PDB file of N, CA and C in Angstrom:
ATOM      1  N   MET A   1      -3.469   8.410  -6.478  1.00  0.00           N
ATOM      2  CA  MET A   1      -4.312   8.647  -5.324  1.00  0.00           C
ATOM      3  C   MET A   1      -3.474   9.314  -4.246  1.00  0.00           C
ATOM      4  N   GLU A   2      -4.059  10.304  -3.595  1.00  0.00           N
ATOM      5  CA  GLU A   2      -3.386  11.015  -2.513  1.00  0.00           C
ATOM      6  C   GLU A   2      -4.154  10.795  -1.217  1.00  0.00           C
ATOM      7  N   LEU A   3      -3.421  10.453  -0.155  1.00  0.00           N
ATOM      8  CA  LEU A   3      -3.998  10.218   1.157  1.00  0.00           C
ATOM      9  C   LEU A   3      -3.284  11.121   2.152  1.00  0.00           C
ATOM     10  N   PHE A   4      -4.038  11.751   3.040  1.00  0.00           N
ATOM     11  CA  PHE A   4      -3.481  12.693   3.998  1.00  0.00           C
ATOM     12  C   PHE A   4      -3.704  12.186   5.417  1.00  0.00           C
ATOM     13  N   PHE A   5      -2.679  12.347   6.263  1.00  0.00           N
ATOM     14  CA  PHE A   5      -2.781  11.911   7.658  1.00  0.00           C
ATOM     15  C   PHE A   5      -1.766  12.658   8.496  1.00  0.00           C
ATOM     16  N   SER A   6      -1.978  12.610   9.816  1.00  0.00           N
ATOM     17  CA  SER A   6      -1.044  13.191  10.780  1.00  0.00           C
ATOM     18  C   SER A   6      -0.363  12.063  11.530  1.00  0.00           C
ATOM     19  N   LEU A   7       0.848  12.337  11.979  1.00  0.00           N
ATOM     20  CA  LEU A   7       1.597  11.352  12.759  1.00  0.00           C
ATOM     21  C   LEU A   7       2.349  12.071  13.865  1.00  0.00           C
ATOM     22  N   ASN A   8       2.281  11.507  15.056  1.00  0.00           N
ATOM     23  CA  ASN A   8       3.007  12.048  16.198  1.00  0.00           C
ATOM     24  C   ASN A   8       3.530  10.858  16.991  1.00  0.00           C
ATOM     25  N   VAL A   9       4.798  10.522  16.795  1.00  0.00           N
ATOM     26  CA  VAL A   9       5.395   9.367  17.459  1.00  0.00           C
ATOM     27  C   VAL A   9       6.773   9.768  17.991  1.00  0.00           C
ATOM     28  N   SER A  10       7.095   9.310  19.180  1.00  0.00           N
ATOM     29  CA  SER A  10       8.380   9.664  19.789  1.00  0.00           C
ATOM     30  C   SER A  10       9.527   8.926  19.097  1.00  0.00           C
ATOM     31  N   TYR A  11      10.725   9.424  19.320  1.00  0.00           N
ATOM     32  CA  TYR A  11      11.929   8.789  18.773  1.00  0.00           C
ATOM     33  C   TYR A  11      12.025   7.340  19.244  1.00  0.00           C
ATOM     34  N   GLU A  12      11.821   7.130  20.529  1.00  0.00           N
ATOM     35  CA  GLU A  12      11.938   5.783  21.107  1.00  0.00           C
ATOM     36  C   GLU A  12      10.897   4.833  20.526  1.00  0.00           C
ATOM     37  N   ALA A  13       9.676   5.320  20.336  1.00  0.00           N
ATOM     38  CA  ALA A  13       8.614   4.472  19.795  1.00  0.00           C
ATOM     39  C   ALA A  13       8.867   4.118  18.335  1.00  0.00           C
ATOM     40  N   PHE A  14       9.580   4.976  17.610  1.00  0.00           N
ATOM     41  CA  PHE A  14       9.833   4.707  16.189  1.00  0.00           C
ATOM     42  C   PHE A  14      11.069   3.834  15.956  1.00  0.00           C
ATOM     43  N   LEU A  15      11.929   3.690  16.947  1.00  0.00           N
ATOM     44  CA  LEU A  15      13.174   2.936  16.758  1.00  0.00           C
ATOM     45  C   LEU A  15      12.985   1.541  16.161  1.00  0.00           C
ATOM     46  N   PRO A  16      12.012   0.741  16.587  1.00  0.00           N
ATOM     47  CA  PRO A  16      11.858  -0.585  15.970  1.00  0.00           C
ATOM     48  C   PRO A  16      11.618  -0.513  14.458  1.00  0.00           C
ATOM     49  N   TYR A  17      10.940   0.529  14.000  1.00  0.00           N
ATOM     50  CA  TYR A  17      10.704   0.692  12.559  1.00  0.00           C
ATOM     51  C   TYR A  17      11.978   1.134  11.858  1.00  0.00           C
ATOM     52  N   TYR A  18      12.709   2.021  12.510  1.00  0.00           N
ATOM     53  CA  TYR A  18      13.963   2.509  11.937  1.00  0.00           C
ATOM     54  C   TYR A  18      14.969   1.375  11.805  1.00  0.00           C
ATOM     55  N   GLN A  19      15.004   0.501  12.803  1.00  0.00           N
ATOM     56  CA  GLN A  19      15.956  -0.603  12.817  1.00  0.00           C
ATOM     57  C   GLN A  19      15.499  -1.792  11.969  1.00  0.00           C
ATOM     58  N   GLY A  20      14.272  -1.758  11.480  1.00  0.00           N
ATOM     59  CA  GLY A  20      13.769  -2.850  10.655  1.00  0.00           C
ATOM     60  C   GLY A  20      13.179  -4.000  11.452  1.00  0.00           C
ATOM     61  N   VAL A  21      13.082  -3.857  12.771  1.00  0.00           N
ATOM     62  CA  VAL A  21      12.496  -4.902  13.611  1.00  0.00           C
ATOM     63  C   VAL A  21      10.985  -4.955  13.383  1.00  0.00           C
ATOM     64  N   ALA A  22      10.352  -3.796  13.301  1.00  0.00           N
ATOM     65  CA  ALA A  22       8.929  -3.686  12.970  1.00  0.00           C
ATOM     66  C   ALA A  22       8.851  -3.139  11.551  1.00  0.00           C
ATOM     67  N   GLU A  23       7.783  -3.497  10.840  1.00  0.00           N
ATOM     68  CA  GLU A  23       7.736  -3.113   9.433  1.00  0.00           C
ATOM     69  C   GLU A  23       6.671  -2.075   9.106  1.00  0.00           C
ATOM     70  N   LYS A  24       5.440  -2.319   9.439  1.00  0.00           N
ATOM     71  CA  LYS A  24       4.330  -1.462   9.006  1.00  0.00           C
ATOM     72  C   LYS A  24       3.879  -0.489  10.098  1.00  0.00           C
ATOM     73  N   VAL A  25       3.809   0.773   9.733  1.00  0.00           N
ATOM     74  CA  VAL A  25       3.278   1.810  10.610  1.00  0.00           C
ATOM     75  C   VAL A  25       1.789   1.931  10.284  1.00  0.00           C
ATOM     76  N   GLN A  26       0.950   1.868  11.304  1.00  0.00           N
ATOM     77  CA  GLN A  26      -0.488   1.987  11.096  1.00  0.00           C
ATOM     78  C   GLN A  26      -0.939   3.394  11.441  1.00  0.00           C
ATOM     79  N   VAL A  27      -1.605   4.043  10.492  1.00  0.00           N
ATOM     80  CA  VAL A  27      -2.133   5.388  10.693  1.00  0.00           C
ATOM     81  C   VAL A  27      -3.568   5.428  10.158  1.00  0.00           C
ATOM     82  N   ARG A  28      -4.287   6.475  10.532  1.00  0.00           N
ATOM     83  CA  ARG A  28      -5.626   6.719   9.987  1.00  0.00           C
ATOM     84  C   ARG A  28      -5.570   7.983   9.151  1.00  0.00           C
ATOM     85  N   ASP A  29      -6.123   7.895   7.934  1.00  0.00           N
ATOM     86  CA  ASP A  29      -6.125   9.074   7.074  1.00  0.00           C
ATOM     87  C   ASP A  29      -7.260  10.017   7.468  1.00  0.00           C
ATOM     88  N   GLN A  30      -7.405  11.084   6.726  1.00  0.00           N
ATOM     89  CA  GLN A  30      -8.385  12.118   7.058  1.00  0.00           C
ATOM     90  C   GLN A  30      -9.822  11.614   7.034  1.00  0.00           C
ATOM     91  N   TYR A  31     -10.068  10.467   6.394  1.00  0.00           N
ATOM     92  CA  TYR A  31     -11.411   9.886   6.341  1.00  0.00           C
ATOM     93  C   TYR A  31     -11.541   8.674   7.261  1.00  0.00           C
ATOM     94  N   ALA A  32     -10.589   8.529   8.186  1.00  0.00           N
ATOM     95  CA  ALA A  32     -10.563   7.450   9.188  1.00  0.00           C
ATOM     96  C   ALA A  32     -10.280   6.080   8.591  1.00  0.00           C
ATOM     97  N   ARG A  33      -9.765   6.027   7.370  1.00  0.00           N
ATOM     98  CA  ARG A  33      -9.349   4.753   6.790  1.00  0.00           C
ATOM     99  C   ARG A  33      -8.016   4.360   7.402  1.00  0.00           C
ATOM    100  N   VAL A  34      -7.853   3.083   7.698  1.00  0.00           N
ATOM    101  CA  VAL A  34      -6.610   2.582   8.281  1.00  0.00           C
ATOM    102  C   VAL A  34      -5.621   2.306   7.156  1.00  0.00           C
ATOM    103  N   LEU A  35      -4.417   2.873   7.285  1.00  0.00           N
ATOM    104  CA  LEU A  35      -3.345   2.672   6.308  1.00  0.00           C
ATOM    105  C   LEU A  35      -2.197   1.959   6.994  1.00  0.00           C
ATOM    106  N   HIS A  36      -1.555   1.036   6.285  1.00  0.00           N
ATOM    107  CA  HIS A  36      -0.354   0.359   6.773  1.00  0.00           C
ATOM    108  C   HIS A  36       0.779   0.736   5.824  1.00  0.00           C
ATOM    109  N   ILE A  37       1.732   1.507   6.336  1.00  0.00           N
ATOM    110  CA  ILE A  37       2.813   2.058   5.512  1.00  0.00           C
ATOM    111  C   ILE A  37       4.133   1.520   6.023  1.00  0.00           C
ATOM    112  N   ASN A  38       4.968   1.065   5.110  1.00  0.00           N
ATOM    113  CA  ASN A  38       6.275   0.551   5.492  1.00  0.00           C
ATOM    114  C   ASN A  38       7.064   1.630   6.226  1.00  0.00           C
ATOM    115  N   GLY A  39       7.586   1.287   7.392  1.00  0.00           N
ATOM    116  CA  GLY A  39       8.312   2.233   8.229  1.00  0.00           C
ATOM    117  C   GLY A  39       9.527   2.854   7.562  1.00  0.00           C
ATOM    118  N   LYS A  40      10.105   2.174   6.585  1.00  0.00           N
ATOM    119  CA  LYS A  40      11.305   2.709   5.923  1.00  0.00           C
ATOM    120  C   LYS A  40      11.027   4.041   5.234  1.00  0.00           C
ATOM    121  N   TYR A  41       9.788   4.283   4.836  1.00  0.00           N
ATOM    122  CA  TYR A  41       9.459   5.531   4.150  1.00  0.00           C
ATOM    123  C   TYR A  41       9.456   6.728   5.086  1.00  0.00           C
ATOM    124  N   PHE A  42       9.394   6.485   6.388  1.00  0.00           N
ATOM    125  CA  PHE A  42       9.386   7.570   7.367  1.00  0.00           C
ATOM    126  C   PHE A  42      10.789   7.941   7.847  1.00  0.00           C
ATOM    127  N   ARG A  43      11.786   7.158   7.540  1.00  0.00           N
ATOM    128  CA  ARG A  43      13.151   7.405   8.035  1.00  0.00           C
ATOM    129  C   ARG A  43      13.659   8.818   7.759  1.00  0.00           C
ATOM    130  N   PRO A  44      13.411   9.397   6.579  1.00  0.00           N
ATOM    131  CA  PRO A  44      13.924  10.759   6.337  1.00  0.00           C
ATOM    132  C   PRO A  44      13.315  11.817   7.255  1.00  0.00           C
ATOM    133  N   PHE A  45      12.189  11.510   7.880  1.00  0.00           N
ATOM    134  CA  PHE A  45      11.492  12.492   8.701  1.00  0.00           C
ATOM    135  C   PHE A  45      11.783  12.340  10.193  1.00  0.00           C
ATOM    136  N   LEU A  46      12.608  11.368  10.567  1.00  0.00           N
ATOM    137  CA  LEU A  46      12.911  11.120  11.973  1.00  0.00           C
ATOM    138  C   LEU A  46      13.911  12.138  12.506  1.00  0.00           C
ATOM    139  N   THR A  47      13.543  12.759  13.630  1.00  0.00           N
ATOM    140  CA  THR A  47      14.439  13.686  14.320  1.00  0.00           C
ATOM    141  C   THR A  47      14.629  13.171  15.745  1.00  0.00           C
ATOM    142  N   SER A  48      15.403  13.866  16.527  1.00  0.00           N
ATOM    143  CA  SER A  48      15.597  13.463  17.924  1.00  0.00           C
ATOM    144  C   SER A  48      14.294  13.572  18.722  1.00  0.00           C
ATOM    145  N   GLN A  49      13.338  14.315  18.198  1.00  0.00           N
ATOM    146  CA  GLN A  49      12.018  14.447  18.838  1.00  0.00           C
ATOM    147  C   GLN A  49      11.052  13.361  18.364  1.00  0.00           C
ATOM    148  N   GLY A  50      11.435  12.615  17.355  1.00  0.00           N
ATOM    149  CA  GLY A  50      10.557  11.599  16.774  1.00  0.00           C
ATOM    150  C   GLY A  50      10.058  12.051  15.416  1.00  0.00           C
ATOM    151  N   ILE A  51       8.810  11.710  15.115  1.00  0.00           N
ATOM    152  CA  ILE A  51       8.186  12.129  13.860  1.00  0.00           C
ATOM    153  C   ILE A  51       6.863  12.796  14.200  1.00  0.00           C
ATOM    154  N   GLN A  52       6.753  14.061  13.831  1.00  0.00           N
ATOM    155  CA  GLN A  52       5.533  14.809  14.058  1.00  0.00           C
ATOM    156  C   GLN A  52       5.186  15.570  12.791  1.00  0.00           C
ATOM    157  N   GLY A  53       3.908  15.638  12.491  1.00  0.00           N
ATOM    158  CA  GLY A  53       3.473  16.469  11.383  1.00  0.00           C
ATOM    159  C   GLY A  53       2.369  15.860  10.567  1.00  0.00           C
ATOM    160  N   LYS A  54       2.033  16.589   9.510  1.00  0.00           N
ATOM    161  CA  LYS A  54       1.029  16.142   8.556  1.00  0.00           C
ATOM    162  C   LYS A  54       1.753  15.645   7.315  1.00  0.00           C
ATOM    163  N   PHE A  55       1.209  14.573   6.734  1.00  0.00           N
ATOM    164  CA  PHE A  55       1.863  13.916   5.608  1.00  0.00           C
ATOM    165  C   PHE A  55       0.896  13.670   4.465  1.00  0.00           C
ATOM    166  N   LYS A  56       1.470  13.568   3.274  1.00  0.00           N
ATOM    167  CA  LYS A  56       0.708  13.188   2.088  1.00  0.00           C
ATOM    168  C   LYS A  56       1.360  11.937   1.506  1.00  0.00           C
ATOM    169  N   LEU A  57       0.586  10.868   1.420  1.00  0.00           N
ATOM    170  CA  LEU A  57       1.025   9.622   0.805  1.00  0.00           C
ATOM    171  C   LEU A  57       0.437   9.575  -0.597  1.00  0.00           C
ATOM    172  N   VAL A  58       1.285   9.367  -1.598  1.00  0.00           N
ATOM    173  CA  VAL A  58       0.833   9.271  -2.984  1.00  0.00           C
ATOM    174  C   VAL A  58       1.054   7.841  -3.449  1.00  0.00           C
ATOM    175  N   LEU A  59      -0.008   7.263  -4.015  1.00  0.00           N
ATOM    176  CA  LEU A  59       0.049   5.896  -4.522  1.00  0.00           C
ATOM    177  C   LEU A  59      -0.050   5.899  -6.045  1.00  0.00           C
ATOM    178  N   ASN A  60       0.598   4.937  -6.669  1.00  0.00           N
ATOM    179  CA  ASN A  60       0.480   4.728  -8.107  1.00  0.00           C
ATOM    180  C   ASN A  60      -0.910   4.179  -8.406  1.00  0.00           C
ATOM    181  N   PRO A  61      -1.351   4.208  -9.677  1.00  0.00           N
ATOM    182  CA  PRO A  61      -2.668   3.681 -10.018  1.00  0.00           C
ATOM    183  C   PRO A  61      -2.903   2.232  -9.575  1.00  0.00           C
ATOM    184  N   ASP A  62      -1.841   1.447  -9.470  1.00  0.00           N
ATOM    185  CA  ASP A  62      -1.993   0.050  -9.034  1.00  0.00           C
ATOM    186  C   ASP A  62      -1.990  -0.102  -7.508  1.00  0.00           C
ATOM    187  N   GLY A  63      -1.933   1.030  -6.793  1.00  0.00           N
ATOM    188  CA  GLY A  63      -1.965   1.005  -5.335  1.00  0.00           C
ATOM    189  C   GLY A  63      -0.605   0.892  -4.681  1.00  0.00           C
ATOM    190  N   SER A  64       0.456   0.833  -5.446  1.00  0.00           N
ATOM    191  CA  SER A  64       1.805   0.744  -4.877  1.00  0.00           C
ATOM    192  C   SER A  64       2.311   2.134  -4.479  1.00  0.00           C
ATOM    193  N   PHE A  65       3.302   2.142  -3.605  1.00  0.00           N
ATOM    194  CA  PHE A  65       3.886   3.372  -3.086  1.00  0.00           C
ATOM    195  C   PHE A  65       4.509   4.200  -4.206  1.00  0.00           C
ATOM    196  N   LYS A  66       4.239   5.504  -4.181  1.00  0.00           N
ATOM    197  CA  LYS A  66       4.901   6.435  -5.089  1.00  0.00           C
ATOM    198  C   LYS A  66       5.755   7.422  -4.308  1.00  0.00           C
ATOM    199  N   SER A  67       5.158   8.099  -3.295  1.00  0.00           N
ATOM    200  CA  SER A  67       5.936   9.053  -2.515  1.00  0.00           C
ATOM    201  C   SER A  67       5.250   9.350  -1.192  1.00  0.00           C
ATOM    202  N   LEU A  68       6.052   9.868  -0.257  1.00  0.00           N
ATOM    203  CA  LEU A  68       5.556  10.316   1.033  1.00  0.00           C
ATOM    204  C   LEU A  68       6.202  11.671   1.292  1.00  0.00           C
ATOM    205  N   ASN A  69       5.371  12.671   1.525  1.00  0.00           N
ATOM    206  CA  ASN A  69       5.862  14.029   1.746  1.00  0.00           C
ATOM    207  C   ASN A  69       5.301  14.605   3.018  1.00  0.00           C
ATOM    208  N   LYS A  70       6.147  15.343   3.722  1.00  0.00           N
ATOM    209  CA  LYS A  70       5.697  16.063   4.921  1.00  0.00           C
ATOM    210  C   LYS A  70       5.164  17.414   4.454  1.00  0.00           C
ATOM    211  N   LEU A  71       4.004  17.777   4.961  1.00  0.00           N
ATOM    212  CA  LEU A  71       3.375  19.044   4.548  1.00  0.00           C
ATOM    213  C   LEU A  71       3.740  20.177   5.482  1.00  0.00           C
TER     214      LEU A  71
END
């Protein structure tokens, strides 16, 4: 399953997720479904500006995480 969403969060706002203090990032996909994604998956996309862009979340058939890609 592929889910698409946008994210725009500042560096400062993402720090608790990067540090492991907060765990789940809540986003809405293109169909307004609420997704809770472990913040550790966003770490490769963090810049000094934060995290901005469109993303594709791919889930395995059992609903577990497979990959997260920036589009």
